[in-house]
Amino acid sequence: MTASFSRLDIDVRRLLARCEEMAREQNSEETWRLEKFIGTLEEMVEELEKLNQDASNNNIFLYKRRIEFLRGLLKTQKIENPFEKVMAAQLLSSNLPNSLTKEIHQKTTAKFSGEIRDELFDLQGSSLRFRDVQQANIYESLDDSIKSQQSKQAHIAEEMLIMTRNMKELSRLAGDTIRKDVRTFENSSVLADSNFSKLKVEAEKLELLNKGAWKCWMWLIIVLVLFIFVFMVIFMKVNKKKK
């Protein structure tokens, strides 16, 4: 599985680099091919996630961000109104994972700005007034979009704050549990030392008792041997006298 993951990771990197190069060239005739490549990339990254064995691997997250930027770039290019294109391109600036995507974003923004200048030079008379109204609507839409983004960011910040508090509480509870376990271990250690000391004392007493009993038996055997010896001597003398 590791070999498959490595090969697929290399394929993803190559295809992603090719897609970013195509996006930098900004060839409108290659847009359909770029879209196909991005779809293939998304499927490959999903398969890469299934094969991923390292939960700390950050490459997959970066791949997703780069693919998300390219997908957003394609959607922006499909917008017909140049003002909306510029605004949409500005929103993409919050998701630039590397220097190449920053370069692509700068070239794309410059291209859309050029389209706006061309349209400004072409519009005359009533079309200019219509454009002013349209711009006002676009700015209003952009303002709503910015407010929506700010609201989402505030919501995300609030959720992160709640998660931080929960993690802090879990950390405190874990610390209390660890301290309780340490105290329990220390008490168990003290009790074990106390039991060992008592057992040592009892063992010494038992050893003394064993030594005392051994001495008693030794003296009893000596007395018995002496008694038998004396008895034999007396017996021999008595037999000798009778003869």
Protein backbone atom coordinates (compact mmCIF):
# COMPACT_ATOMS: atom_id res chain seq x y z
CA MET A 1 0.00 0.00 0.00
CA THR A 2 2.93 2.36 0.71
CA ALA A 3 4.36 1.83 -2.78
CA SER A 4 0.96 2.55 -4.36
CA PHE A 5 0.66 5.69 -2.24
CA SER A 6 4.13 6.91 -3.33
CA ARG A 7 3.43 6.34 -7.03
CA LEU A 8 0.04 8.03 -6.84
CA ASP A 9 1.55 10.94 -4.87
CA ILE A 10 4.15 11.46 -7.63
CA ASP A 11 1.43 11.34 -10.32
CA VAL A 12 -0.63 13.92 -8.42
CA ARG A 13 2.35 16.26 -8.13
CA ARG A 14 3.16 16.02 -11.84
CA LEU A 15 -0.42 16.55 -13.00
CA LEU A 16 -0.92 19.40 -10.52
CA ALA A 17 2.24 21.12 -11.76
CA ARG A 18 1.01 20.69 -15.35
CA CYS A 19 -2.37 22.22 -14.48
CA GLU A 20 -0.76 25.21 -12.77
CA GLU A 21 1.49 25.74 -15.79
CA MET A 22 -1.54 25.70 -18.09
CA ALA A 23 -3.31 28.19 -15.81
CA ARG A 24 -0.28 30.48 -15.93
CA GLU A 25 -0.20 30.40 -19.74
CA GLN A 26 -3.89 31.49 -19.77
CA ASN A 27 -4.65 29.85 -23.09
CA SER A 28 -8.42 29.99 -23.55
CA GLU A 29 -8.29 27.10 -26.03
CA GLU A 30 -6.86 24.84 -23.31
CA THR A 31 -9.55 25.67 -20.73
CA TRP A 32 -11.60 22.56 -21.44
CA ARG A 33 -8.51 20.38 -21.09
CA LEU A 34 -7.55 22.10 -17.84
CA GLU A 35 -11.04 21.42 -16.48
CA LYS A 36 -10.71 17.72 -17.35
CA PHE A 37 -7.31 17.56 -15.67
CA ILE A 38 -8.68 19.18 -12.52
CA GLY A 39 -11.51 16.63 -12.36
CA THR A 40 -8.94 13.83 -12.69
CA LEU A 41 -6.83 15.45 -9.98
CA GLU A 42 -9.76 15.53 -7.57
CA GLU A 43 -10.37 11.82 -8.08
CA MET A 44 -6.65 11.03 -7.61
CA VAL A 45 -6.48 13.04 -4.37
CA GLU A 46 -9.54 11.19 -3.03
CA GLU A 47 -7.78 7.90 -3.78
CA LEU A 48 -4.63 9.27 -2.17
CA GLU A 49 -6.58 10.01 1.01
CA LYS A 50 -7.81 6.41 1.12
CA LEU A 51 -4.22 5.11 0.84
CA ASN A 52 -2.84 7.62 3.32
CA GLN A 53 -1.46 5.91 6.44
CA ASP A 54 0.12 8.97 8.02
CA ALA A 55 -2.48 11.12 9.76
CA SER A 56 0.09 13.94 10.09
CA ASN A 57 0.76 14.09 6.31
CA ASN A 58 0.16 17.72 5.25
CA ASN A 59 0.76 17.21 1.51
CA ILE A 60 -2.81 16.12 0.78
CA PHE A 61 -4.17 19.28 2.44
CA LEU A 62 -1.87 21.43 0.25
CA TYR A 63 -2.93 19.50 -2.87
CA LYS A 64 -6.58 20.24 -2.06
CA ARG A 65 -5.89 23.94 -1.59
CA ARG A 66 -4.06 24.17 -4.93
CA ILE A 67 -6.85 22.27 -6.71
CA GLU A 68 -9.46 24.47 -5.04
CA PHE A 69 -7.64 27.57 -6.32
CA LEU A 70 -7.54 26.20 -9.88
CA ARG A 71 -11.24 25.25 -9.72
CA GLY A 72 -12.10 28.76 -8.48
CA LEU A 73 -9.99 30.25 -11.26
CA LEU A 74 -11.95 28.32 -13.90
CA LYS A 75 -15.25 29.48 -12.41
CA THR A 76 -14.02 33.07 -12.41
CA GLN A 77 -13.00 32.88 -16.08
CA LYS A 78 -16.52 31.76 -17.00
CA ILE A 79 -18.05 34.94 -15.58
CA GLU A 80 -19.08 37.25 -18.42
CA ASN A 81 -19.07 40.57 -16.57
CA PRO A 82 -15.46 41.84 -16.20
CA PHE A 83 -16.23 43.69 -12.97
CA GLU A 84 -17.59 40.54 -11.41
CA LYS A 85 -14.52 38.72 -12.68
CA VAL A 86 -12.19 41.11 -10.85
CA MET A 87 -14.21 40.87 -7.66
CA ALA A 88 -14.28 37.08 -7.86
CA ALA A 89 -10.53 37.05 -8.51
CA GLN A 90 -9.97 39.17 -5.41
CA LEU A 91 -11.84 36.60 -3.34
CA LEU A 92 -9.41 33.95 -4.59
CA SER A 93 -6.51 35.84 -3.00
CA SER A 94 -7.35 34.27 0.39
CA ASN A 95 -6.43 30.80 -0.88
CA LEU A 96 -2.93 31.06 -2.40
CA PRO A 97 -0.89 28.08 -1.16
CA ASN A 98 2.40 28.79 -2.99
CA SER A 99 4.33 31.33 -5.07
CA LEU A 100 3.17 29.89 -8.42
CA THR A 101 -0.50 30.32 -7.54
CA LYS A 102 0.29 33.90 -6.46
CA GLU A 103 1.85 34.55 -9.87
CA ILE A 104 -1.18 33.02 -11.61
CA HIS A 105 -3.49 35.16 -9.48
CA GLN A 106 -1.58 38.34 -10.31
CA LYS A 107 -1.61 37.62 -14.07
CA THR A 108 -5.31 36.74 -13.98
CA THR A 109 -6.21 39.88 -12.04
CA ALA A 110 -4.19 42.00 -14.48
CA LYS A 111 -5.95 40.33 -17.42
CA PHE A 112 -9.41 40.99 -15.96
CA SER A 113 -8.45 44.57 -15.16
CA GLY A 114 -7.42 45.00 -18.80
CA GLU A 115 -10.84 43.72 -19.86
CA ILE A 116 -12.44 46.35 -17.64
CA ARG A 117 -10.35 49.11 -19.23
CA ASP A 118 -11.33 47.91 -22.69
CA GLU A 119 -14.98 47.96 -21.76
CA LEU A 120 -14.67 51.42 -20.25
CA PHE A 121 -13.21 52.78 -23.47
CA ASP A 122 -15.91 51.11 -25.59
CA LEU A 123 -18.91 52.25 -23.58
CA GLN A 124 -20.50 55.63 -24.52
CA GLY A 125 -23.50 57.75 -23.58
CA SER A 126 -26.34 55.80 -22.02
CA SER A 127 -24.20 52.70 -21.81
CA LEU A 128 -21.94 54.64 -19.46
CA ARG A 129 -24.91 55.47 -17.20
CA PHE A 130 -26.03 51.86 -17.37
CA ARG A 131 -22.52 50.79 -16.47
CA ASP A 132 -22.55 53.12 -13.44
CA VAL A 133 -25.77 51.51 -12.22
CA GLN A 134 -24.33 48.08 -12.92
CA GLN A 135 -21.14 48.94 -11.08
CA ALA A 136 -23.18 50.16 -8.12
CA ASN A 137 -25.02 46.85 -8.07
CA ILE A 138 -21.74 44.99 -8.33
CA TYR A 139 -20.21 46.98 -5.49
CA GLU A 140 -23.31 46.37 -3.43
CA SER A 141 -23.08 42.66 -4.23
CA LEU A 142 -19.41 42.73 -3.39
CA ASP A 143 -20.14 44.47 -0.09
CA ASP A 144 -22.70 41.79 0.73
CA SER A 145 -20.18 39.12 -0.23
CA ILE A 146 -17.51 40.70 1.99
CA LYS A 147 -19.96 40.92 4.89
CA SER A 148 -20.87 37.27 4.34
CA GLN A 149 -17.19 36.32 4.35
CA GLN A 150 -16.59 38.34 7.51
CA SER A 151 -19.58 36.65 9.16
CA LYS A 152 -18.23 33.23 8.19
CA GLN A 153 -14.79 34.15 9.51
CA ALA A 154 -16.31 35.37 12.79
CA HIS A 155 -18.25 32.11 13.07
CA ILE A 156 -15.11 30.08 12.40
CA ALA A 157 -13.18 32.14 14.98
CA GLU A 158 -15.94 31.53 17.53
CA GLU A 159 -15.87 27.79 16.84
CA MET A 160 -12.08 27.74 17.16
CA LEU A 161 -12.37 29.60 20.47
CA ILE A 162 -14.89 27.02 21.73
CA MET A 163 -12.63 24.19 20.55
CA THR A 164 -9.69 25.82 22.36
CA ARG A 165 -11.69 26.05 25.56
CA ASN A 166 -12.79 22.43 25.25
CA MET A 167 -9.20 21.32 24.62
CA LYS A 168 -8.06 23.34 27.63
CA GLU A 169 -10.75 21.70 29.79
CA LEU A 170 -9.83 18.24 28.51
CA SER A 171 -6.18 19.00 29.22
CA ARG A 172 -7.06 20.05 32.77
CA LEU A 173 -9.11 16.91 33.36
CA ALA A 174 -6.32 14.77 31.93
CA GLY A 175 -3.85 16.51 34.23
CA ASP A 176 -6.07 15.88 37.27
CA THR A 177 -6.41 12.22 36.30
CA ILE A 178 -2.66 11.87 35.87
CA ARG A 179 -2.02 13.53 39.25
CA LYS A 180 -4.52 11.16 40.91
CA ASP A 181 -2.84 8.17 39.29
CA VAL A 182 0.56 9.42 40.47
CA ARG A 183 -0.74 9.79 44.06
CA THR A 184 -2.26 6.32 43.90
CA PHE A 185 1.01 4.92 42.61
CA GLU A 186 2.95 6.69 45.37
CA ASN A 187 0.56 5.34 48.04
CA SER A 188 0.86 1.85 46.56
CA SER A 189 4.63 2.20 46.57
CA VAL A 190 4.65 3.28 50.23
CA LEU A 191 2.33 0.41 51.16
CA ALA A 192 4.53 -2.04 49.24
CA ASP A 193 7.62 -0.74 51.07
CA SER A 194 5.83 -1.08 54.40
CA ASN A 195 4.73 -4.64 53.62
CA PHE A 196 8.23 -5.50 52.48
CA SER A 197 9.67 -4.17 55.76
CA LYS A 198 7.16 -6.19 57.79
CA LEU A 199 7.87 -9.27 55.72
CA LYS A 200 11.60 -8.79 56.28
CA VAL A 201 11.08 -8.54 60.06
CA GLU A 202 8.93 -11.69 60.10
CA ALA A 203 11.54 -13.49 58.00
CA GLU A 204 14.26 -12.53 60.48
CA LYS A 205 12.10 -13.78 63.35
CA LEU A 206 11.47 -17.03 61.54
CA GLU A 207 15.17 -17.38 60.85
CA LEU A 208 15.93 -16.88 64.57
CA LEU A 209 13.34 -19.47 65.49
CA ASN A 210 14.82 -21.92 63.01
CA LYS A 211 18.30 -21.34 64.43
CA GLY A 212 17.01 -21.84 68.00
CA ALA A 213 15.19 -25.05 67.11
CA TRP A 214 18.31 -26.37 65.32
CA LYS A 215 20.46 -25.69 68.38
CA CYS A 216 17.95 -27.47 70.64
CA TRP A 217 17.99 -30.55 68.44
CA MET A 218 21.77 -30.45 68.29
CA TRP A 219 22.11 -30.35 72.06
CA LEU A 220 19.51 -33.09 72.45
CA ILE A 221 21.44 -35.33 70.05
CA ILE A 222 24.71 -34.62 71.89
CA VAL A 223 23.10 -35.48 75.24
CA LEU A 224 21.62 -38.65 73.76
CA VAL A 225 24.99 -39.70 72.31
CA LEU A 226 26.70 -39.05 75.64
CA PHE A 227 24.02 -40.98 77.45
CA ILE A 228 24.42 -43.97 75.11
CA PHE A 229 28.19 -43.77 75.48
CA VAL A 230 28.01 -43.75 79.28
CA PHE A 231 25.47 -46.55 79.22
CA MET A 232 27.74 -48.65 77.01
CA VAL A 233 30.75 -48.04 79.23
CA ILE A 234 28.77 -49.08 82.35
CA PHE A 235 27.34 -52.07 80.56
CA MET A 236 30.80 -53.23 79.48
CA LYS A 237 32.17 -52.86 83.01
CA VAL A 238 29.31 -54.83 84.50
CA ASN A 239 29.76 -57.69 82.03
CA LYS A 240 33.48 -57.71 82.68
CA LYS A 241 32.99 -58.07 86.45
CA LYS A 242 30.58 -60.97 85.98
CA LYS A 243 33.08 -62.87 83.96
